[in-house]
Structures are given as C-alpha cells and as structure tokens.
Amino acid sequence: MKCDNCGQTRSIRLCQGDLHLCRKCEAKCSSSSSPKSEDKAKMADNEDQGQLTQIQSTLALLSEKIDKIPNVEKKLCELQTSVEYLSNFFDAYQKKMEEIQNENKHLKEQLVVVSDNLGTTQRQLQELQQYSRRNNLEIHGIHEHPDEDTDTIVMKVAEASGDHITSTSVIESSPEHTTNPRQL
C-alpha cells in the first residue's frame, strides 16, 4: 500500500482518521518541529532499511538454492539412468536364470531316461555274457606242468567222468595263470 503523503510503498498505518501514512510521514505528521518526531522518522527509515536488507539476503539465499536446482536435476537424471541400467541388468539376469532352470530341468529328464537305458543295457550285457558262456567249462585243481597240452588234459578229465570227447569238441582251452592250482 502507498503512503497518502509521500507516495512510497512502505509499512502503512492509519493516522489522523482515514489517512494511510508510512512511519516516516506519521512521525512528521504528529509533530513536525519536535526532535522526537525526527528520531521516530529515522527509526522508521532504519527499520525499513533493516527489513529491506533482510529481504535482500533472503532473495540471495533463494537465488543460490535456485541455482543448485539444475545440479539436483542432473543428479536425479543420473540416478534414474543408473536405476534403469540396474533394472535392465536384473531383468536380463532373471531371464538367463529362467533359461538355465529350464535347461537344468530338461537335463534332469534326460538323465532319468539315460539312467533307465543304461540299466537296461547292463542287464542285456550280462545276459549276453552268460549266454556266450553256456558251453564253457572250468576245471579246477589240476596242477600245471611245463609244456603241457591243455586240450589233452580236458579230454582226459572228460574220459575220467565218463564222457568221451574228441579234440574237435574242444573249441578253446587255456591255463589260467594264478598262484593257486590252475583252471582250464
């Protein structure tokens, strides 16, 4: 509000009825010749000057803070970029983890099938080995002599047991080299 007397914008008080006067004009108005009025006017000026100084310092402080806003915005932008990078990294990691888990599940299923096949194959191998030995005969307890013919020994053992075989009946014979009596 403007002073009705001097036209300055200052703290205004009502004085002498409906007049709006600043403190300086109010002091002059109440007693123009008294030294107290001049002191009041100086005090009003000093008070207005103090308020002006306070407003200027507040504006300077606000200006400094406003100047820092771009730095804050820049840091906020960098932080947002960093969060986006970490989010993308986490998403890629999670996707890779799901792929690994799916592959692991598939490999476990394959392992079960391969294990079943291995068991079946081992049983078949044992059956084939047993089948290939159906005509084999092991003879234990015969002492080994140098330069002996194992086919002849087999035919003598067969004769002693009451069977007559010829050398064409013996497909293969060989000594088993151990510290115990040999096997034919």
N, C-alpha and C. Protein backbone atom coordinates (compact mmCIF):
# COMPACT_ATOMS: atom_id res chain seq x y z
N MET A 1 0.84 -1.16 0.00
CA MET A 1 0.00 0.00 0.00
C MET A 1 0.89 1.23 0.00
N LYS A 2 0.44 2.32 -0.67
CA LYS A 2 1.23 3.54 -0.78
C LYS A 2 0.81 4.54 0.29
N CYS A 3 1.82 5.29 0.68
CA CYS A 3 1.59 6.34 1.68
C CYS A 3 0.83 7.48 0.99
N ASP A 4 -0.23 7.98 1.65
CA ASP A 4 -1.02 9.08 1.09
C ASP A 4 -0.22 10.39 1.06
N ASN A 5 0.83 10.49 1.85
CA ASN A 5 1.60 11.72 1.95
C ASN A 5 2.77 11.72 0.96
N CYS A 6 3.64 10.69 1.00
CA CYS A 6 4.85 10.72 0.16
C CYS A 6 4.76 9.79 -1.06
N GLY A 7 3.79 8.91 -1.09
CA GLY A 7 3.59 8.03 -2.24
C GLY A 7 4.49 6.80 -2.24
N GLN A 8 5.33 6.61 -1.20
CA GLN A 8 6.22 5.45 -1.11
C GLN A 8 5.44 4.22 -0.65
N THR A 9 5.91 3.05 -1.12
CA THR A 9 5.31 1.80 -0.66
C THR A 9 6.11 1.36 0.56
N ARG A 10 5.46 1.39 1.69
CA ARG A 10 6.10 1.02 2.95
C ARG A 10 5.05 0.45 3.87
N SER A 11 5.48 0.12 5.06
CA SER A 11 4.51 -0.30 6.06
C SER A 11 3.61 0.87 6.34
N ILE A 12 2.34 0.70 6.19
CA ILE A 12 1.38 1.80 6.30
C ILE A 12 0.56 1.63 7.57
N ARG A 13 0.30 2.76 8.22
CA ARG A 13 -0.57 2.79 9.39
C ARG A 13 -1.64 3.85 9.17
N LEU A 14 -2.73 3.62 9.79
CA LEU A 14 -3.77 4.64 9.73
C LEU A 14 -3.43 5.74 10.72
N CYS A 15 -3.53 6.95 10.25
CA CYS A 15 -3.18 8.07 11.12
C CYS A 15 -4.16 9.22 10.84
N GLN A 16 -4.57 9.91 11.82
CA GLN A 16 -5.45 11.07 11.70
C GLN A 16 -6.66 10.75 10.86
N GLY A 17 -7.40 9.84 11.29
CA GLY A 17 -8.62 9.50 10.56
C GLY A 17 -8.35 8.37 9.60
N ASP A 18 -8.65 8.65 8.33
CA ASP A 18 -8.52 7.61 7.33
C ASP A 18 -7.29 7.77 6.46
N LEU A 19 -6.32 8.55 6.87
CA LEU A 19 -5.10 8.71 6.08
C LEU A 19 -4.19 7.50 6.26
N HIS A 20 -3.62 7.03 5.17
CA HIS A 20 -2.65 5.93 5.21
C HIS A 20 -1.28 6.55 5.10
N LEU A 21 -0.52 6.48 6.18
CA LEU A 21 0.80 7.10 6.20
C LEU A 21 1.86 6.06 6.56
N CYS A 22 3.04 6.27 5.99
CA CYS A 22 4.16 5.42 6.36
C CYS A 22 4.69 5.92 7.69
N ARG A 23 5.57 5.19 8.31
CA ARG A 23 6.08 5.57 9.63
C ARG A 23 6.81 6.91 9.58
N LYS A 24 7.52 7.14 8.49
CA LYS A 24 8.27 8.38 8.36
C LYS A 24 7.30 9.59 8.33
N CYS A 25 6.29 9.47 7.49
CA CYS A 25 5.32 10.57 7.38
C CYS A 25 4.49 10.69 8.65
N GLU A 26 4.21 9.55 9.27
CA GLU A 26 3.44 9.58 10.51
C GLU A 26 4.22 10.34 11.59
N ALA A 27 5.53 10.09 11.65
CA ALA A 27 6.36 10.77 12.64
C ALA A 27 6.40 12.27 12.35
N LYS A 28 6.48 12.63 11.08
CA LYS A 28 6.49 14.04 10.73
C LYS A 28 5.15 14.68 11.03
N CYS A 29 4.10 13.96 10.78
CA CYS A 29 2.76 14.46 10.93
C CYS A 29 2.44 14.74 12.40
N SER A 30 2.80 13.85 13.28
CA SER A 30 2.41 14.00 14.67
C SER A 30 3.11 15.19 15.30
N SER A 31 4.35 15.47 14.97
CA SER A 31 4.96 16.70 15.46
C SER A 31 6.12 17.02 14.56
N SER A 32 5.90 18.00 13.67
CA SER A 32 6.89 18.32 12.67
C SER A 32 8.09 19.03 13.24
N SER A 33 7.97 19.77 14.32
CA SER A 33 9.09 20.54 14.82
C SER A 33 9.80 19.87 15.98
N SER A 34 9.26 18.86 16.53
CA SER A 34 9.90 18.28 17.71
C SER A 34 11.01 17.32 17.28
N PRO A 35 12.08 17.30 18.06
CA PRO A 35 13.20 16.42 17.74
C PRO A 35 12.79 14.95 17.87
N LYS A 36 11.80 14.64 18.66
CA LYS A 36 11.35 13.26 18.81
C LYS A 36 10.75 12.78 17.51
N SER A 37 10.08 13.63 16.77
CA SER A 37 9.47 13.25 15.51
C SER A 37 10.55 12.87 14.51
N GLU A 38 11.63 13.60 14.49
CA GLU A 38 12.74 13.29 13.58
C GLU A 38 13.38 11.97 13.97
N ASP A 39 13.48 11.74 15.27
CA ASP A 39 14.05 10.46 15.73
C ASP A 39 13.14 9.31 15.31
N LYS A 40 11.84 9.53 15.43
CA LYS A 40 10.90 8.48 15.04
C LYS A 40 11.02 8.24 13.53
N ALA A 41 11.17 9.29 12.76
CA ALA A 41 11.30 9.15 11.31
C ALA A 41 12.57 8.39 10.97
N LYS A 42 13.67 8.70 11.65
CA LYS A 42 14.93 7.98 11.41
C LYS A 42 14.80 6.51 11.80
N MET A 43 14.11 6.31 12.91
CA MET A 43 13.92 4.93 13.36
C MET A 43 13.09 4.15 12.33
N ALA A 44 12.07 4.82 11.78
CA ALA A 44 11.23 4.17 10.79
C ALA A 44 12.05 3.84 9.54
N ASP A 45 12.92 4.80 9.13
CA ASP A 45 13.79 4.55 7.97
C ASP A 45 14.75 3.39 8.24
N ASN A 46 15.32 3.39 9.45
CA ASN A 46 16.24 2.30 9.82
C ASN A 46 15.51 0.95 9.84
N GLU A 47 14.30 0.98 10.35
CA GLU A 47 13.50 -0.25 10.40
C GLU A 47 13.18 -0.72 8.99
N ASP A 48 12.81 0.21 8.11
CA ASP A 48 12.53 -0.15 6.72
C ASP A 48 13.81 -0.65 6.03
N GLN A 49 14.92 -0.04 6.34
CA GLN A 49 16.20 -0.45 5.75
C GLN A 49 16.56 -1.86 6.24
N GLY A 50 16.32 -2.16 7.50
CA GLY A 50 16.59 -3.48 8.06
C GLY A 50 15.73 -4.54 7.39
N GLN A 51 14.46 -4.19 7.18
CA GLN A 51 13.57 -5.13 6.51
C GLN A 51 14.01 -5.35 5.07
N LEU A 52 14.45 -4.27 4.43
CA LEU A 52 14.94 -4.38 3.05
C LEU A 52 16.18 -5.26 2.98
N THR A 53 17.09 -5.09 3.92
CA THR A 53 18.31 -5.90 3.97
C THR A 53 17.96 -7.37 4.20
N GLN A 54 17.01 -7.60 5.08
CA GLN A 54 16.59 -8.98 5.37
C GLN A 54 15.96 -9.62 4.12
N ILE A 55 15.14 -8.84 3.41
CA ILE A 55 14.51 -9.35 2.19
C ILE A 55 15.57 -9.64 1.14
N GLN A 56 16.57 -8.73 1.02
CA GLN A 56 17.64 -8.95 0.04
C GLN A 56 18.46 -10.20 0.36
N SER A 57 18.76 -10.43 1.63
CA SER A 57 19.53 -11.63 2.00
C SER A 57 18.71 -12.90 1.75
N THR A 58 17.39 -12.81 2.01
CA THR A 58 16.52 -13.96 1.74
C THR A 58 16.47 -14.25 0.25
N LEU A 59 16.38 -13.18 -0.56
CA LEU A 59 16.38 -13.34 -2.01
C LEU A 59 17.71 -13.93 -2.50
N ALA A 60 18.81 -13.51 -1.94
CA ALA A 60 20.12 -14.06 -2.33
C ALA A 60 20.20 -15.55 -1.99
N LEU A 61 19.70 -15.91 -0.81
CA LEU A 61 19.70 -17.31 -0.40
C LEU A 61 18.81 -18.14 -1.34
N LEU A 62 17.64 -17.61 -1.66
CA LEU A 62 16.74 -18.30 -2.60
C LEU A 62 17.39 -18.43 -3.98
N SER A 63 18.09 -17.40 -4.40
CA SER A 63 18.78 -17.42 -5.69
C SER A 63 19.84 -18.51 -5.73
N GLU A 64 20.61 -18.66 -4.63
CA GLU A 64 21.61 -19.73 -4.55
C GLU A 64 20.95 -21.10 -4.65
N LYS A 65 19.84 -21.26 -3.96
CA LYS A 65 19.15 -22.55 -3.97
C LYS A 65 18.57 -22.85 -5.35
N ILE A 66 18.06 -21.80 -5.99
CA ILE A 66 17.52 -21.97 -7.33
C ILE A 66 18.64 -22.34 -8.30
N ASP A 67 19.83 -21.76 -8.11
CA ASP A 67 20.98 -22.08 -8.96
C ASP A 67 21.39 -23.55 -8.80
N LYS A 68 21.14 -24.13 -7.65
CA LYS A 68 21.51 -25.53 -7.40
C LYS A 68 20.51 -26.52 -8.01
N ILE A 69 19.35 -26.05 -8.40
CA ILE A 69 18.31 -26.94 -8.94
C ILE A 69 18.81 -27.69 -10.18
N PRO A 70 19.51 -27.06 -11.15
CA PRO A 70 20.00 -27.83 -12.30
C PRO A 70 20.93 -28.98 -11.87
N ASN A 71 21.77 -28.74 -10.85
CA ASN A 71 22.66 -29.80 -10.36
C ASN A 71 21.84 -30.96 -9.78
N VAL A 72 20.81 -30.62 -9.06
CA VAL A 72 19.95 -31.65 -8.48
C VAL A 72 19.24 -32.41 -9.60
N GLU A 73 18.76 -31.66 -10.60
CA GLU A 73 18.11 -32.31 -11.74
C GLU A 73 19.08 -33.23 -12.47
N LYS A 74 20.33 -32.80 -12.63
CA LYS A 74 21.34 -33.62 -13.30
C LYS A 74 21.60 -34.90 -12.49
N LYS A 75 21.75 -34.75 -11.18
CA LYS A 75 21.98 -35.92 -10.33
C LYS A 75 20.78 -36.85 -10.35
N LEU A 76 19.60 -36.28 -10.38
CA LEU A 76 18.39 -37.08 -10.45
C LEU A 76 18.33 -37.86 -11.76
N CYS A 77 18.72 -37.21 -12.84
CA CYS A 77 18.75 -37.85 -14.16
C CYS A 77 19.78 -38.99 -14.16
N GLU A 78 20.96 -38.75 -13.57
CA GLU A 78 21.99 -39.79 -13.48
C GLU A 78 21.50 -40.95 -12.64
N LEU A 79 20.82 -40.64 -11.56
CA LEU A 79 20.28 -41.69 -10.70
C LEU A 79 19.22 -42.50 -11.45
N GLN A 80 18.38 -41.83 -12.20
CA GLN A 80 17.36 -42.53 -12.98
C GLN A 80 18.01 -43.43 -14.02
N THR A 81 19.06 -42.95 -14.68
CA THR A 81 19.78 -43.76 -15.66
C THR A 81 20.39 -44.99 -15.00
N SER A 82 20.97 -44.79 -13.83
CA SER A 82 21.57 -45.90 -13.09
C SER A 82 20.53 -46.93 -12.69
N VAL A 83 19.39 -46.47 -12.22
CA VAL A 83 18.31 -47.39 -11.82
C VAL A 83 17.79 -48.16 -13.04
N GLU A 84 17.66 -47.48 -14.17
CA GLU A 84 17.22 -48.16 -15.39
C GLU A 84 18.22 -49.23 -15.81
N TYR A 85 19.52 -48.89 -15.73
CA TYR A 85 20.56 -49.87 -16.08
C TYR A 85 20.48 -51.09 -15.18
N LEU A 86 20.37 -50.85 -13.87
CA LEU A 86 20.29 -51.97 -12.93
C LEU A 86 19.02 -52.79 -13.15
N SER A 87 17.94 -52.12 -13.47
CA SER A 87 16.68 -52.82 -13.74
C SER A 87 16.82 -53.71 -14.98
N ASN A 88 17.42 -53.17 -16.03
CA ASN A 88 17.63 -53.95 -17.25
C ASN A 88 18.58 -55.12 -16.99
N PHE A 89 19.63 -54.85 -16.22
CA PHE A 89 20.58 -55.91 -15.87
C PHE A 89 19.89 -57.01 -15.07
N PHE A 90 19.06 -56.62 -14.13
CA PHE A 90 18.34 -57.60 -13.31
C PHE A 90 17.37 -58.40 -14.18
N ASP A 91 16.67 -57.73 -15.09
CA ASP A 91 15.74 -58.42 -15.98
C ASP A 91 16.48 -59.45 -16.85
N ALA A 92 17.63 -59.04 -17.39
CA ALA A 92 18.43 -59.96 -18.21
C ALA A 92 18.93 -61.13 -17.37
N TYR A 93 19.37 -60.84 -16.16
CA TYR A 93 19.85 -61.89 -15.26
C TYR A 93 18.71 -62.86 -14.93
N GLN A 94 17.55 -62.32 -14.66
CA GLN A 94 16.39 -63.16 -14.33
C GLN A 94 16.00 -64.03 -15.53
N LYS A 95 16.04 -63.46 -16.73
CA LYS A 95 15.72 -64.22 -17.93
C LYS A 95 16.73 -65.35 -18.13
N LYS A 96 18.02 -65.03 -17.94
CA LYS A 96 19.07 -66.04 -18.08
C LYS A 96 18.89 -67.14 -17.03
N MET A 97 18.51 -66.75 -15.82
CA MET A 97 18.30 -67.73 -14.76
C MET A 97 17.14 -68.66 -15.10
N GLU A 98 16.08 -68.13 -15.67
CA GLU A 98 14.95 -68.96 -16.09
C GLU A 98 15.38 -69.93 -17.19
N GLU A 99 16.21 -69.45 -18.14
CA GLU A 99 16.70 -70.33 -19.20
C GLU A 99 17.54 -71.46 -18.61
N ILE A 100 18.39 -71.13 -17.65
CA ILE A 100 19.23 -72.14 -17.01
C ILE A 100 18.38 -73.14 -16.24
N GLN A 101 17.36 -72.66 -15.55
CA GLN A 101 16.48 -73.56 -14.81
C GLN A 101 15.73 -74.50 -15.76
N ASN A 102 15.27 -73.96 -16.89
CA ASN A 102 14.58 -74.80 -17.87
C ASN A 102 15.54 -75.84 -18.46
N GLU A 103 16.76 -75.41 -18.77
CA GLU A 103 17.75 -76.34 -19.30
C GLU A 103 18.09 -77.41 -18.26
N ASN A 104 18.22 -77.01 -17.01
CA ASN A 104 18.51 -77.96 -15.93
C ASN A 104 17.38 -78.98 -15.80
N LYS A 105 16.16 -78.52 -15.88
CA LYS A 105 15.00 -79.43 -15.81
C LYS A 105 15.04 -80.43 -16.96
N HIS A 106 15.33 -79.93 -18.15
CA HIS A 106 15.41 -80.79 -19.34
C HIS A 106 16.54 -81.81 -19.18
N LEU A 107 17.68 -81.37 -18.68
CA LEU A 107 18.81 -82.28 -18.48
C LEU A 107 18.50 -83.34 -17.44
N LYS A 108 17.79 -82.98 -16.39
CA LYS A 108 17.40 -83.96 -15.38
C LYS A 108 16.48 -85.02 -15.99
N GLU A 109 15.55 -84.58 -16.84
CA GLU A 109 14.65 -85.53 -17.51
C GLU A 109 15.45 -86.46 -18.41
N GLN A 110 16.43 -85.91 -19.13
CA GLN A 110 17.27 -86.73 -20.00
C GLN A 110 18.10 -87.71 -19.17
N LEU A 111 18.59 -87.27 -18.02
CA LEU A 111 19.38 -88.13 -17.15
C LEU A 111 18.58 -89.33 -16.69
N VAL A 112 17.32 -89.13 -16.36
CA VAL A 112 16.46 -90.24 -15.95
C VAL A 112 16.33 -91.25 -17.09
N VAL A 113 16.11 -90.74 -18.32
CA VAL A 113 15.97 -91.63 -19.48
C VAL A 113 17.27 -92.38 -19.73
N VAL A 114 18.40 -91.67 -19.69
CA VAL A 114 19.70 -92.30 -19.93
C VAL A 114 20.01 -93.33 -18.84
N SER A 115 19.69 -93.02 -17.59
CA SER A 115 19.91 -93.97 -16.50
C SER A 115 19.09 -95.24 -16.71
N ASP A 116 17.83 -95.09 -17.11
CA ASP A 116 16.98 -96.26 -17.40
C ASP A 116 17.59 -97.08 -18.54
N ASN A 117 18.05 -96.39 -19.60
CA ASN A 117 18.65 -97.08 -20.74
C ASN A 117 19.93 -97.80 -20.32
N LEU A 118 20.73 -97.17 -19.48
CA LEU A 118 21.97 -97.78 -19.00
C LEU A 118 21.68 -99.04 -18.21
N GLY A 119 20.69 -98.99 -17.33
CA GLY A 119 20.30 -100.18 -16.56
C GLY A 119 19.86 -101.31 -17.48
N THR A 120 19.06 -100.98 -18.47
CA THR A 120 18.59 -101.98 -19.43
C THR A 120 19.77 -102.56 -20.21
N THR A 121 20.66 -101.69 -20.64
CA THR A 121 21.83 -102.14 -21.41
C THR A 121 22.74 -103.03 -20.56
N GLN A 122 22.94 -102.69 -19.29
CA GLN A 122 23.76 -103.52 -18.40
C GLN A 122 23.13 -104.91 -18.22
N ARG A 123 21.83 -104.98 -18.04
CA ARG A 123 21.15 -106.28 -17.90
C ARG A 123 21.31 -107.10 -19.18
N GLN A 124 21.15 -106.46 -20.33
CA GLN A 124 21.30 -107.16 -21.61
C GLN A 124 22.74 -107.66 -21.78
N LEU A 125 23.71 -106.85 -21.39
CA LEU A 125 25.11 -107.26 -21.48
C LEU A 125 25.39 -108.49 -20.62
N GLN A 126 24.88 -108.47 -19.39
CA GLN A 126 25.06 -109.63 -18.51
C GLN A 126 24.41 -110.87 -19.11
N GLU A 127 23.23 -110.72 -19.68
CA GLU A 127 22.56 -111.86 -20.30
C GLU A 127 23.36 -112.39 -21.48
N LEU A 128 23.93 -111.46 -22.29
CA LEU A 128 24.75 -111.90 -23.43
C LEU A 128 26.02 -112.60 -22.96
N GLN A 129 26.64 -112.06 -21.93
CA GLN A 129 27.86 -112.69 -21.40
C GLN A 129 27.54 -114.10 -20.88
N GLN A 130 26.41 -114.21 -20.17
CA GLN A 130 26.03 -115.53 -19.66
C GLN A 130 25.72 -116.47 -20.83
N TYR A 131 25.07 -115.98 -21.83
CA TYR A 131 24.71 -116.81 -22.99
C TYR A 131 25.97 -117.28 -23.71
N SER A 132 26.95 -116.38 -23.83
CA SER A 132 28.18 -116.76 -24.53
C SER A 132 28.99 -117.77 -23.73
N ARG A 133 28.74 -117.91 -22.44
CA ARG A 133 29.47 -118.87 -21.60
C ARG A 133 28.70 -120.18 -21.41
N ARG A 134 27.60 -120.39 -22.05
CA ARG A 134 26.77 -121.57 -21.81
C ARG A 134 27.50 -122.87 -22.15
N ASN A 135 28.46 -122.82 -23.05
CA ASN A 135 29.22 -124.01 -23.42
C ASN A 135 30.58 -124.07 -22.73
N ASN A 136 30.88 -123.08 -21.88
CA ASN A 136 32.18 -123.04 -21.21
C ASN A 136 32.19 -124.00 -20.02
N LEU A 137 33.35 -124.57 -19.76
CA LEU A 137 33.53 -125.48 -18.64
C LEU A 137 34.85 -125.11 -17.98
N GLU A 138 34.82 -124.85 -16.67
CA GLU A 138 36.04 -124.56 -15.94
C GLU A 138 36.40 -125.78 -15.11
N ILE A 139 37.65 -126.15 -15.18
CA ILE A 139 38.16 -127.29 -14.43
C ILE A 139 39.19 -126.77 -13.45
N HIS A 140 38.99 -127.03 -12.17
CA HIS A 140 39.87 -126.54 -11.12
C HIS A 140 40.63 -127.71 -10.48
N GLY A 141 41.77 -127.41 -9.89
CA GLY A 141 42.51 -128.37 -9.09
C GLY A 141 43.53 -129.19 -9.83
N ILE A 142 43.83 -128.88 -11.05
CA ILE A 142 44.85 -129.60 -11.82
C ILE A 142 46.13 -128.79 -11.75
N HIS A 143 47.21 -129.46 -11.34
CA HIS A 143 48.50 -128.78 -11.22
C HIS A 143 49.11 -128.59 -12.60
N GLU A 144 49.79 -127.47 -12.73
CA GLU A 144 50.36 -127.10 -14.03
C GLU A 144 51.72 -127.74 -14.21
N HIS A 145 51.93 -128.23 -15.43
CA HIS A 145 53.23 -128.80 -15.83
C HIS A 145 53.72 -128.01 -17.03
N PRO A 146 55.03 -127.79 -17.11
CA PRO A 146 55.53 -127.05 -18.28
C PRO A 146 55.29 -127.81 -19.58
N ASP A 147 55.02 -127.07 -20.63
CA ASP A 147 54.81 -127.58 -22.00
C ASP A 147 53.74 -128.66 -22.09
N GLU A 148 52.66 -128.51 -21.37
CA GLU A 148 51.59 -129.49 -21.49
C GLU A 148 50.52 -128.99 -22.43
N ASP A 149 49.76 -129.90 -22.98
CA ASP A 149 48.68 -129.57 -23.92
C ASP A 149 47.37 -129.57 -23.14
N THR A 150 46.73 -128.36 -23.02
CA THR A 150 45.51 -128.24 -22.23
C THR A 150 44.35 -128.98 -22.88
N ASP A 151 44.32 -129.10 -24.22
CA ASP A 151 43.25 -129.85 -24.89
C ASP A 151 43.29 -131.33 -24.47
N THR A 152 44.46 -131.90 -24.36
CA THR A 152 44.61 -133.30 -23.95
C THR A 152 44.13 -133.48 -22.53
N ILE A 153 44.46 -132.52 -21.65
CA ILE A 153 44.03 -132.61 -20.26
C ILE A 153 42.51 -132.58 -20.19
N VAL A 154 41.86 -131.74 -20.98
CA VAL A 154 40.41 -131.63 -20.99
C VAL A 154 39.80 -132.96 -21.44
N MET A 155 40.36 -133.59 -22.46
CA MET A 155 39.82 -134.86 -22.95
C MET A 155 40.00 -135.97 -21.90
N LYS A 156 41.13 -135.98 -21.15
CA LYS A 156 41.36 -136.98 -20.11
C LYS A 156 40.37 -136.79 -18.96
N VAL A 157 40.10 -135.54 -18.58
CA VAL A 157 39.14 -135.26 -17.50
C VAL A 157 37.75 -135.72 -17.93
N ALA A 158 37.37 -135.47 -19.19
CA ALA A 158 36.06 -135.89 -19.69
C ALA A 158 35.96 -137.42 -19.67
N GLU A 159 37.04 -138.12 -20.07
CA GLU A 159 37.03 -139.58 -20.05
C GLU A 159 36.89 -140.09 -18.63
N ALA A 160 37.57 -139.45 -17.68
CA ALA A 160 37.50 -139.87 -16.28
C ALA A 160 36.10 -139.69 -15.72
N SER A 161 35.35 -138.73 -16.26
CA SER A 161 33.99 -138.50 -15.78
C SER A 161 32.98 -139.35 -16.54
N GLY A 162 33.43 -140.10 -17.53
CA GLY A 162 32.53 -140.99 -18.25
C GLY A 162 32.07 -140.44 -19.57
N ASP A 163 32.58 -139.33 -20.02
CA ASP A 163 32.22 -138.77 -21.32
C ASP A 163 33.40 -138.95 -22.26
N HIS A 164 33.09 -139.29 -23.49
CA HIS A 164 34.15 -139.42 -24.47
C HIS A 164 34.01 -138.23 -25.43
N ILE A 165 35.06 -137.37 -25.52
CA ILE A 165 35.05 -136.23 -26.44
C ILE A 165 36.31 -136.30 -27.29
N THR A 166 36.23 -135.65 -28.43
CA THR A 166 37.39 -135.61 -29.32
C THR A 166 37.97 -134.21 -29.28
N SER A 167 39.14 -134.06 -29.93
CA SER A 167 39.78 -132.73 -29.94
C SER A 167 38.96 -131.71 -30.71
N THR A 168 38.07 -132.12 -31.60
CA THR A 168 37.21 -131.18 -32.33
C THR A 168 36.08 -130.66 -31.44
N SER A 169 35.78 -131.35 -30.35
CA SER A 169 34.75 -130.89 -29.41
C SER A 169 35.27 -129.76 -28.53
N VAL A 170 36.57 -129.71 -28.35
CA VAL A 170 37.17 -128.65 -27.53
C VAL A 170 37.45 -127.46 -28.45
N ILE A 171 36.74 -126.37 -28.23
CA ILE A 171 36.91 -125.18 -29.09
C ILE A 171 38.15 -124.42 -28.68
N GLU A 172 38.31 -124.22 -27.39
CA GLU A 172 39.48 -123.48 -26.92
C GLU A 172 39.75 -123.92 -25.49
N SER A 173 41.03 -124.04 -25.15
CA SER A 173 41.40 -124.33 -23.77
C SER A 173 42.68 -123.57 -23.48
N SER A 174 42.77 -123.10 -22.27
CA SER A 174 43.98 -122.38 -21.89
C SER A 174 44.11 -122.39 -20.38
N PRO A 175 45.33 -122.35 -19.88
CA PRO A 175 45.50 -122.31 -18.43
C PRO A 175 45.26 -120.91 -17.92
N GLU A 176 44.81 -120.83 -16.70
CA GLU A 176 44.67 -119.52 -16.07
C GLU A 176 45.83 -119.38 -15.11
N HIS A 177 46.66 -118.42 -15.30
CA HIS A 177 47.88 -118.29 -14.52
C HIS A 177 47.58 -117.61 -13.19
N THR A 178 47.61 -118.39 -12.11
CA THR A 178 47.46 -117.89 -10.76
C THR A 178 48.41 -118.64 -9.87
N THR A 179 48.49 -118.25 -8.62
CA THR A 179 49.34 -118.97 -7.66
C THR A 179 48.65 -120.21 -7.17
N ASN A 180 47.34 -120.27 -7.34
CA ASN A 180 46.56 -121.45 -6.97
C ASN A 180 46.65 -122.47 -8.08
N PRO A 181 46.16 -123.67 -7.82
CA PRO A 181 46.11 -124.61 -8.94
C PRO A 181 45.33 -123.99 -10.08
N ARG A 182 45.76 -124.29 -11.26
CA ARG A 182 45.21 -123.60 -12.45
C ARG A 182 43.81 -124.07 -12.81
N GLN A 183 43.18 -123.21 -13.63
CA GLN A 183 41.85 -123.54 -14.15
C GLN A 183 41.98 -123.76 -15.64
N LEU A 184 41.22 -124.68 -16.13
CA LEU A 184 41.20 -124.92 -17.60
C LEU A 184 39.86 -124.52 -18.15
